[in-house]
C-alpha cells in the first residue's frame, strides 16, 4: 500500500521560497514582465554559477562589481543589480524606488532601439549571412548595438547620473555649511560640517569603487571580449553549422575540424572600450569634483583651526595680563597689610589738635596715592618687559 506524503509545513514552504526573489524580466523584444525566480532557474536562464549570484544578493552588501561570463554579464552597481544575457535582462529588486528612473530609461532606450532596428531590419538580415543576431549590424551607415550593450550602457548612464546629482547636492550643502561655520563657529555648525564630511567620504568611496571596476575592465581585454554575448552566440551557431558540414564531408579529419572551429579568439572590442572609456572619464570627473570639495572642506577646517588658535592666543595673553594685575594688586595688599598691623607708633595715635589731624590725613593720602602709583608703575613695567621679550604680542616676521 502506497504511503501518502505529508503536506509540507509552513516552515518548509518558507525555506523553499527563501531563495526566490522578484525579478523584472526585460526581453530584447516585447514588454517587460514580472517573475518570481529561484537561484536554479536563474542559473538555467543565464548560465551563471551560484557564487556569481551572490554578488547580486542585496543582503550581503557586495561592492560594485561587473562580472563577465560565457552567457551573461553580472552588473552590481550600487542599487542596480542585474544579470544581462544576449536576449533578456533580469533586474533584481525592481520595486526599489531608486530604480524607477532606471526602469523608465531602460524601457525608453529599448523602445527607441526597436524603432531604429525595425527600420533597418531588411539590411540586417543580409548582413554577412548571419541574421538579426549579429553583434553590430550595419544598415547603410547606421550601426545597431547589441542588446547587452544597450542595457549595460543604461546601467552606467543611470549610475553616473546618480553620482553627479548626489555630488552637486552635497556640494551646495557643503558650501552653505562651511560659510555658516566661517561666519560663526558653533557646535551646531561644527556638527553639520562633520556630517557632510562623513557623507563626502562615503560618496567618494562609492564612486571610487565604480571607477576602479571600469578601469579593471579597460585593462582586461579578455573580460571586455566576454561581454560580446550576441556576437559569441552568433559565432557559436555558425561554428556548430560549419562543424556539422565538415563532419559530414570528412569524419576522419578531426584535428583540422577542431582547428577551424577555434578560429574565433575574441571580437573587436574597440566599440565597447570607447563606451567604457566615456563613462570612466565621467566617473573620474565626478571623483575629482569630490576630491576638490574635500580639499575645500580641509582648507576651511585649517582656517577655522587658525581662528581658534588666534582666539586661544588672545585668551592666553589676557590670562597673562590678569596674572600680572593680580601680582601687582597683591603688592598693594602687602603695603596695606603692613599699615594694618596692630602696633603702637605715632602714626596710629589719635590726633590731639587740628594741625595733627590735618597732617595725619595728608600722610594717609600720600601713602595711598604712592601705593597705587607704585602698583601701576610695576604693572606698566611688567607689560613693557613682556612686549620686549616677545612674550606678549610677538612680532610676525
Protein backbone atom coordinates (compact mmCIF):
# COMPACT_ATOMS: atom_id res chain seq x y z
CA UNK A 1 0.00 0.00 0.00
CA UNK A 2 1.44 3.34 -1.07
CA UNK A 3 2.00 5.72 1.77
CA UNK A 4 0.93 9.31 1.21
CA UNK A 5 3.47 12.04 1.75
CA UNK A 6 2.51 14.54 4.45
CA UNK A 7 1.82 18.10 3.24
CA UNK A 8 4.77 20.50 3.61
CA UNK A 9 4.74 22.59 6.71
CA UNK A 10 4.80 26.39 6.76
CA UNK A 11 8.46 26.39 7.80
CA UNK A 12 9.37 24.17 4.84
CA UNK A 13 7.41 26.39 2.47
CA UNK A 14 9.20 29.45 3.80
CA UNK A 15 12.54 27.68 3.43
CA UNK A 16 11.80 26.66 -0.15
CA UNK A 17 10.68 30.18 -1.04
CA UNK A 18 13.65 31.78 0.67
CA UNK A 19 15.79 31.50 -2.45
CA UNK A 20 13.11 33.02 -4.70
CA UNK A 21 13.09 36.73 -5.39
CA UNK A 22 11.10 39.11 -7.52
CA UNK A 23 12.75 39.93 -10.84
CA UNK A 24 11.84 42.15 -13.74
CA UNK A 25 12.49 40.30 -16.97
CA UNK A 26 13.23 42.74 -19.81
CA UNK A 27 13.38 40.87 -23.13
CA UNK A 28 15.10 42.15 -26.24
CA UNK A 29 11.74 42.20 -28.00
CA UNK A 30 8.46 42.55 -26.16
CA UNK A 31 7.15 44.03 -22.96
CA UNK A 32 8.89 43.56 -19.61
CA UNK A 33 7.25 41.13 -17.21
CA UNK A 34 7.45 40.36 -13.53
CA UNK A 35 8.63 36.96 -12.35
CA UNK A 36 9.48 35.19 -9.11
CA UNK A 37 12.60 33.16 -9.84
CA UNK A 38 14.84 30.98 -7.73
CA UNK A 39 18.57 30.53 -7.99
CA UNK A 40 18.30 27.34 -10.01
CA UNK A 41 16.02 28.97 -12.56
CA UNK A 42 18.32 31.96 -12.84
CA UNK A 43 21.22 29.59 -13.38
CA UNK A 44 19.35 27.86 -16.20
CA UNK A 45 18.45 31.15 -17.90
CA UNK A 46 21.83 32.86 -17.62
CA UNK A 47 24.35 30.06 -17.23
CA UNK A 48 25.72 31.74 -14.12
CA UNK A 49 27.05 29.86 -11.14
CA UNK A 50 25.65 30.16 -7.66
CA UNK A 51 28.65 32.09 -6.40
CA UNK A 52 28.11 34.63 -9.21
CA UNK A 53 24.58 35.23 -7.97
CA UNK A 54 25.91 36.04 -4.52
CA UNK A 55 27.20 39.30 -5.97
CA UNK A 56 23.58 40.31 -6.64
CA UNK A 57 22.38 39.43 -3.16
CA UNK A 58 21.35 42.75 -1.51
CA UNK A 59 21.72 41.22 1.95
CA UNK A 60 25.47 40.67 1.51
CA UNK A 61 26.29 44.27 0.56
CA UNK A 62 28.88 43.39 -2.07
CA UNK A 63 30.89 46.30 -3.57
CA UNK A 64 30.33 47.45 -7.14
CA UNK A 65 31.26 44.58 -9.42
CA UNK A 66 30.94 43.71 -13.11
CA UNK A 67 31.41 40.01 -13.90
CA UNK A 68 31.76 38.74 -17.47
CA UNK A 69 30.70 35.14 -18.01
CA UNK A 70 30.10 32.91 -21.01
CA UNK A 71 26.38 33.62 -21.44
CA UNK A 72 25.71 36.60 -19.18
CA UNK A 73 27.13 39.77 -17.64
CA UNK A 74 26.53 40.35 -13.93
CA UNK A 75 26.12 44.05 -13.11
CA UNK A 76 26.19 45.13 -9.48
CA UNK A 77 26.38 48.93 -9.42
CA UNK A 78 25.04 50.32 -6.15
CA UNK A 79 21.26 49.72 -6.28
CA UNK A 80 21.37 48.36 -9.85
CA UNK A 81 21.61 44.58 -9.69
CA UNK A 82 21.03 42.82 -12.99
CA UNK A 83 22.02 39.78 -15.00
CA UNK A 84 22.23 40.59 -18.71
CA UNK A 85 22.14 37.97 -21.45
CA UNK A 86 22.02 38.31 -25.23
CA UNK A 87 18.21 38.05 -25.25
CA UNK A 88 16.97 39.48 -21.95
CA UNK A 89 17.94 41.32 -18.81
CA UNK A 90 16.93 40.26 -15.30
CA UNK A 91 16.68 43.17 -12.86
CA UNK A 92 16.59 42.31 -9.16
CA UNK A 93 14.68 44.27 -6.53
CA UNK A 94 12.98 46.35 -9.20
CA UNK A 95 10.39 47.67 -6.72
CA UNK A 96 13.09 49.82 -5.13
CA UNK A 97 12.11 53.50 -5.63
CA UNK A 98 15.70 54.24 -6.66
CA UNK A 99 15.20 52.01 -9.72
CA UNK A 100 12.10 53.77 -11.05
CA UNK A 101 14.10 56.15 -13.22
CA UNK A 102 16.40 53.34 -14.32
CA UNK A 103 13.49 51.14 -15.46
CA UNK A 104 11.95 54.11 -17.25
CA UNK A 105 15.19 54.93 -19.07
CA UNK A 106 15.72 51.26 -19.95
CA UNK A 107 12.28 50.93 -21.49
CA UNK A 108 12.70 54.16 -23.42
CA UNK A 109 16.12 53.11 -24.73
CA UNK A 110 14.90 49.70 -25.84
CA UNK A 111 11.77 51.17 -27.42
CA UNK A 112 13.80 53.68 -29.43
CA UNK A 113 16.20 50.91 -30.43
CA UNK A 114 13.32 48.75 -31.59
CA UNK A 115 12.11 51.55 -33.85
CA UNK A 116 15.55 52.07 -35.38
CA UNK A 117 16.14 48.33 -35.74
CA UNK A 118 12.75 47.82 -37.41
CA UNK A 119 13.52 50.50 -39.99
CA UNK A 120 16.78 48.72 -40.87
CA UNK A 121 15.64 45.09 -40.46
CA UNK A 122 15.91 44.31 -44.18
CA UNK A 123 19.54 45.34 -44.30
CA UNK A 124 20.33 43.45 -41.11
CA UNK A 125 19.04 40.15 -42.47
CA UNK A 126 21.58 40.25 -45.26
CA UNK A 127 24.50 41.33 -43.07
CA UNK A 128 27.22 38.70 -43.57
CA UNK A 129 24.56 35.99 -43.82
CA UNK A 130 24.29 35.72 -40.02
CA UNK A 131 20.83 37.15 -39.48
CA UNK A 132 19.35 39.53 -36.88
CA UNK A 133 21.61 38.18 -34.12
CA UNK A 134 24.71 39.98 -35.42
CA UNK A 135 26.55 41.99 -32.77
CA UNK A 136 26.97 45.09 -34.89
CA UNK A 137 24.80 45.04 -37.99
CA UNK A 138 25.28 47.84 -40.47
CA UNK A 139 22.30 49.33 -42.28
CA UNK A 140 23.95 51.80 -44.59
CA UNK A 141 25.94 53.92 -42.16
CA UNK A 142 23.70 53.05 -39.16
CA UNK A 143 25.29 50.87 -36.52
CA UNK A 144 22.92 48.95 -34.25
CA UNK A 145 24.49 47.95 -30.92
CA UNK A 146 23.61 44.55 -29.46
CA UNK A 147 21.04 44.17 -26.72
CA UNK A 148 23.54 43.63 -23.90
CA UNK A 149 25.34 46.87 -24.80
CA UNK A 150 22.11 48.84 -24.65
CA UNK A 151 21.24 47.56 -21.18
CA UNK A 152 24.81 47.91 -19.93
CA UNK A 153 25.02 51.50 -21.18
CA UNK A 154 21.75 52.39 -19.45
CA UNK A 155 23.17 50.94 -16.21
CA UNK A 156 26.33 53.03 -16.47
CA UNK A 157 24.47 56.14 -17.55
CA UNK A 158 22.00 55.90 -14.67
CA UNK A 159 24.80 55.28 -12.20
CA UNK A 160 26.78 58.29 -13.42
CA UNK A 161 23.67 60.49 -13.25
CA UNK A 162 23.03 59.40 -9.66
CA UNK A 163 26.63 60.15 -8.67
CA UNK A 164 26.52 63.52 -10.42
CA UNK A 165 23.26 64.58 -8.77
CA UNK A 166 24.46 63.48 -5.33
CA UNK A 167 27.73 65.34 -5.84
CA UNK A 168 26.00 68.57 -6.86
CA UNK A 169 23.58 68.39 -3.94
CA UNK A 170 26.38 67.68 -1.49
CA UNK A 171 28.49 70.49 -2.99
CA UNK A 172 25.71 73.06 -2.47
CA UNK A 173 25.04 71.88 1.05
CA UNK A 174 28.73 71.82 1.93
CA UNK A 175 29.40 75.35 0.69
CA UNK A 176 26.46 76.71 2.67
CA UNK A 177 27.51 74.88 5.84
CA UNK A 178 31.12 76.00 5.51
CA UNK A 179 30.10 79.62 5.01
CA UNK A 180 27.94 79.43 8.13
CA UNK A 181 30.82 77.89 10.05
CA UNK A 182 33.24 80.56 8.87
CA UNK A 183 30.91 83.34 9.95
CA UNK A 184 30.09 81.74 13.30
CA UNK A 185 31.90 78.86 14.94
CA UNK A 186 29.28 77.00 16.95
CA UNK A 187 28.57 73.42 17.95
CA UNK A 188 25.63 73.21 15.55
CA UNK A 189 27.69 74.38 12.56
CA UNK A 190 30.57 72.09 13.50
CA UNK A 191 28.20 69.12 13.68
CA UNK A 192 26.78 69.97 10.24
CA UNK A 193 30.26 70.07 8.73
CA UNK A 194 31.16 66.79 10.42
CA UNK A 195 28.10 65.07 8.93
CA UNK A 196 28.83 66.50 5.48
CA UNK A 197 32.43 65.29 5.68
CA UNK A 198 31.27 61.78 6.56
CA UNK A 199 28.85 61.77 3.62
CA UNK A 200 31.61 63.07 1.38
CA UNK A 201 33.92 60.22 2.37
CA UNK A 202 31.20 57.61 1.79
CA UNK A 203 30.26 59.03 -1.61
CA UNK A 204 33.91 59.26 -2.66
CA UNK A 205 34.41 55.62 -1.72
CA UNK A 206 31.36 54.57 -3.76
CA UNK A 207 32.45 56.50 -6.85
CA UNK A 208 35.99 55.17 -6.42
CA UNK A 209 34.69 51.58 -6.43
CA UNK A 210 32.81 52.08 -9.70
CA UNK A 211 35.75 53.89 -11.27
CA UNK A 212 38.16 51.11 -10.27
CA UNK A 213 35.83 48.48 -11.69
CA UNK A 214 35.62 50.28 -15.04
CA UNK A 215 39.40 50.70 -15.04
CA UNK A 216 39.82 46.98 -14.38
CA UNK A 217 37.64 46.17 -17.38
CA UNK A 218 39.57 48.56 -19.61
CA UNK A 219 42.82 46.89 -18.62
CA UNK A 220 41.50 43.37 -19.30
CA UNK A 221 40.75 42.72 -22.98
CA UNK A 222 39.63 39.17 -22.23
CA UNK A 223 36.82 40.32 -19.93
CA UNK A 224 35.82 43.00 -22.42
CA UNK A 225 35.64 40.44 -25.21
CA UNK A 226 33.49 38.19 -22.99
CA UNK A 227 30.86 40.94 -22.88
CA UNK A 228 30.08 40.48 -26.59
CA UNK A 229 27.33 37.98 -25.82
CA UNK A 230 25.32 38.39 -29.04
CA UNK A 231 28.38 38.02 -31.24
CA UNK A 232 29.55 34.96 -29.32
CA UNK A 233 26.08 33.43 -29.66
CA UNK A 234 26.04 34.11 -33.40
CA UNK A 235 29.54 32.72 -33.83
CA UNK A 236 28.61 29.65 -31.82
CA UNK A 237 25.72 28.97 -34.21
CA UNK A 238 27.96 29.37 -37.21
CA UNK A 239 30.62 27.15 -35.67
CA UNK A 240 28.11 24.39 -34.99
CA UNK A 241 26.78 24.59 -38.56
CA UNK A 242 30.27 24.61 -40.03
CA UNK A 243 31.29 21.76 -37.77
CA UNK A 244 28.35 19.58 -38.83
CA UNK A 245 29.01 20.24 -42.51
CA UNK A 246 32.70 19.38 -42.17
CA UNK A 247 31.85 16.30 -40.14
CA UNK A 248 29.67 15.00 -42.94
CA UNK A 249 32.36 15.72 -45.56
CA UNK A 250 35.29 14.31 -43.68
CA UNK A 251 34.67 12.48 -40.41
CA UNK A 252 38.26 11.31 -40.11
CA UNK A 253 39.93 14.74 -40.14
CA UNK A 254 39.09 15.67 -36.51
CA UNK A 255 42.23 17.74 -35.95
CA UNK A 256 41.52 20.05 -38.87
CA UNK A 257 37.93 20.46 -37.80
CA UNK A 258 38.96 21.38 -34.27
CA UNK A 259 41.47 23.92 -35.60
CA UNK A 260 38.93 25.64 -37.84
CA UNK A 261 36.26 25.65 -35.15
CA UNK A 262 38.56 27.59 -32.87
CA UNK A 263 39.44 30.35 -35.33
CA UNK A 264 37.39 32.82 -33.26
CA UNK A 265 39.51 34.17 -30.41
CA UNK A 266 37.77 37.42 -29.47
CA UNK A 267 35.82 40.06 -31.38
CA UNK A 268 36.93 43.60 -31.99
CA UNK A 269 36.50 45.29 -28.61
CA UNK A 270 37.05 48.85 -29.79
CA UNK A 271 33.39 49.88 -29.55
CA UNK A 272 32.97 48.59 -26.00
CA UNK A 273 36.27 50.14 -24.95
CA UNK A 274 35.06 53.51 -26.24
CA UNK A 275 31.87 53.08 -24.22
CA UNK A 276 33.78 52.14 -21.08
CA UNK A 277 36.27 54.98 -21.52
CA UNK A 278 33.45 57.52 -21.82
CA UNK A 279 31.84 56.50 -18.53
CA UNK A 280 35.23 56.01 -16.91
CA UNK A 281 36.06 59.63 -17.69
CA UNK A 282 32.67 60.70 -16.35
CA UNK A 283 33.13 58.86 -13.06
CA UNK A 284 36.70 60.13 -12.85
CA UNK A 285 35.44 63.69 -13.30
CA UNK A 286 32.87 63.19 -10.56
CA UNK A 287 35.58 61.79 -8.30
CA UNK A 288 37.78 64.81 -9.00
CA UNK A 289 34.91 67.09 -8.00
CA UNK A 290 34.58 65.20 -4.74
CA UNK A 291 38.32 65.48 -4.14
CA UNK A 292 38.15 69.23 -4.81
CA UNK A 293 35.25 69.54 -2.39
CA UNK A 294 37.17 67.56 0.19
CA UNK A 295 40.16 69.89 -0.21
CA UNK A 296 37.85 72.86 0.24
CA UNK A 297 36.50 71.32 3.45
CA UNK A 298 40.03 70.64 4.67
CA UNK A 299 41.12 74.20 3.85
CA UNK A 300 38.13 75.58 5.71
CA UNK A 301 38.93 73.38 8.69
CA UNK A 302 42.51 74.67 8.65
CA UNK A 303 41.20 78.23 8.57
CA UNK A 304 38.86 77.51 11.48
CA UNK A 305 41.75 75.97 13.41
CA UNK A 306 43.82 79.11 12.79
CA UNK A 307 40.95 81.23 14.03
CA UNK A 308 40.64 79.08 17.14
CA UNK A 309 44.39 79.23 17.71
CA UNK A 310 44.27 83.00 17.46
CA UNK A 311 41.43 83.14 19.96
CA UNK A 312 43.35 80.81 22.24
CA UNK A 313 46.41 83.04 21.99
CA UNK A 314 44.30 86.07 22.84
CA UNK A 315 42.91 84.26 25.86
CA UNK A 316 46.43 83.32 26.96
CA UNK A 317 47.57 86.89 26.62
CA UNK A 318 44.57 88.06 28.61
CA UNK A 319 45.40 85.47 31.24
CA UNK A 320 48.97 86.74 31.46
CA UNK A 321 47.76 90.32 31.84
CA UNK A 322 45.30 89.32 34.53
CA UNK A 323 48.02 87.36 36.32
CA UNK A 324 50.33 90.36 36.28
CA UNK A 325 47.50 92.55 37.56
CA UNK A 326 46.89 90.07 40.35
CA UNK A 327 50.59 90.21 41.31
CA UNK A 328 50.56 93.99 41.34
CA UNK A 329 47.38 94.16 43.39
CA UNK A 330 48.92 91.65 45.78
CA UNK A 331 51.87 94.00 46.23
CA UNK A 332 49.46 96.77 47.14
CA UNK A 333 47.70 94.49 49.56
CA UNK A 334 51.05 93.81 51.24
CA UNK A 335 51.50 97.54 51.83
CA UNK A 336 48.01 97.83 53.23
CA UNK A 337 48.64 94.82 55.45
CA UNK A 338 51.79 96.41 56.82
CA UNK A 339 49.92 99.52 57.83
CA UNK A 340 47.07 97.47 59.24
CA UNK A 341 49.20 95.72 61.85
CA UNK A 342 48.21 96.38 65.49
CA UNK A 343 51.40 98.14 66.67
CA UNK A 344 51.87 101.35 68.63
CA UNK A 345 53.51 104.06 66.53
CA UNK A 346 52.99 107.80 66.35
CA UNK A 347 51.04 107.47 63.11
CA UNK A 348 48.41 105.33 64.84
CA UNK A 349 47.82 107.73 67.74
CA UNK A 350 44.67 109.85 67.76
CA UNK A 351 45.39 113.48 66.88
CA UNK A 352 45.06 115.91 69.76
CA UNK A 353 44.92 119.11 67.76
CA UNK A 354 43.53 120.12 64.40
CA UNK A 355 47.01 120.50 62.97
CA UNK A 356 47.89 116.93 63.89
CA UNK A 357 44.64 115.74 62.30
CA UNK A 358 45.46 117.60 59.08
CA UNK A 359 48.98 116.20 58.96
CA UNK A 360 47.73 112.68 59.64
CA UNK A 361 45.10 112.96 56.90
CA UNK A 362 47.71 114.25 54.43
CA UNK A 363 50.05 111.33 55.22
CA UNK A 364 47.22 108.90 54.67
CA UNK A 365 46.57 110.19 51.16
CA UNK A 366 50.25 110.35 50.38
CA UNK A 367 50.66 106.71 51.36
CA UNK A 368 47.56 105.64 49.41
CA UNK A 369 48.49 107.53 46.25
CA UNK A 370 52.08 106.33 46.47
CA UNK A 371 50.95 102.72 46.81
CA UNK A 372 48.59 102.99 43.80
CA UNK A 373 51.24 104.77 41.73
CA UNK A 374 53.82 102.15 42.62
CA UNK A 375 51.46 99.30 41.66
CA UNK A 376 50.63 100.99 38.35
CA UNK A 377 54.30 101.54 37.61
CA UNK A 378 55.05 97.89 38.36
CA UNK A 379 52.20 96.80 36.02
CA UNK A 380 53.39 99.01 33.15
CA UNK A 381 56.94 97.83 33.66
CA UNK A 382 55.81 94.18 33.50
CA UNK A 383 53.90 94.84 30.26
CA UNK A 384 56.93 96.54 28.75
CA UNK A 385 59.16 93.66 29.75
CA UNK A 386 56.72 91.13 28.27
CA UNK A 387 56.48 93.01 24.99
CA UNK A 388 60.24 93.48 24.83
CA UNK A 389 60.81 89.74 25.26
CA UNK A 390 58.05 88.89 22.67
CA UNK A 391 56.01 87.03 25.26
CA UNK A 392 53.12 89.42 24.78
CA UNK A 393 52.17 90.50 21.22
CA UNK A 394 55.04 88.78 19.41
CA UNK A 395 56.28 90.29 16.17
CA UNK A 396 55.27 88.43 12.97
CA UNK A 397 58.10 88.07 10.51
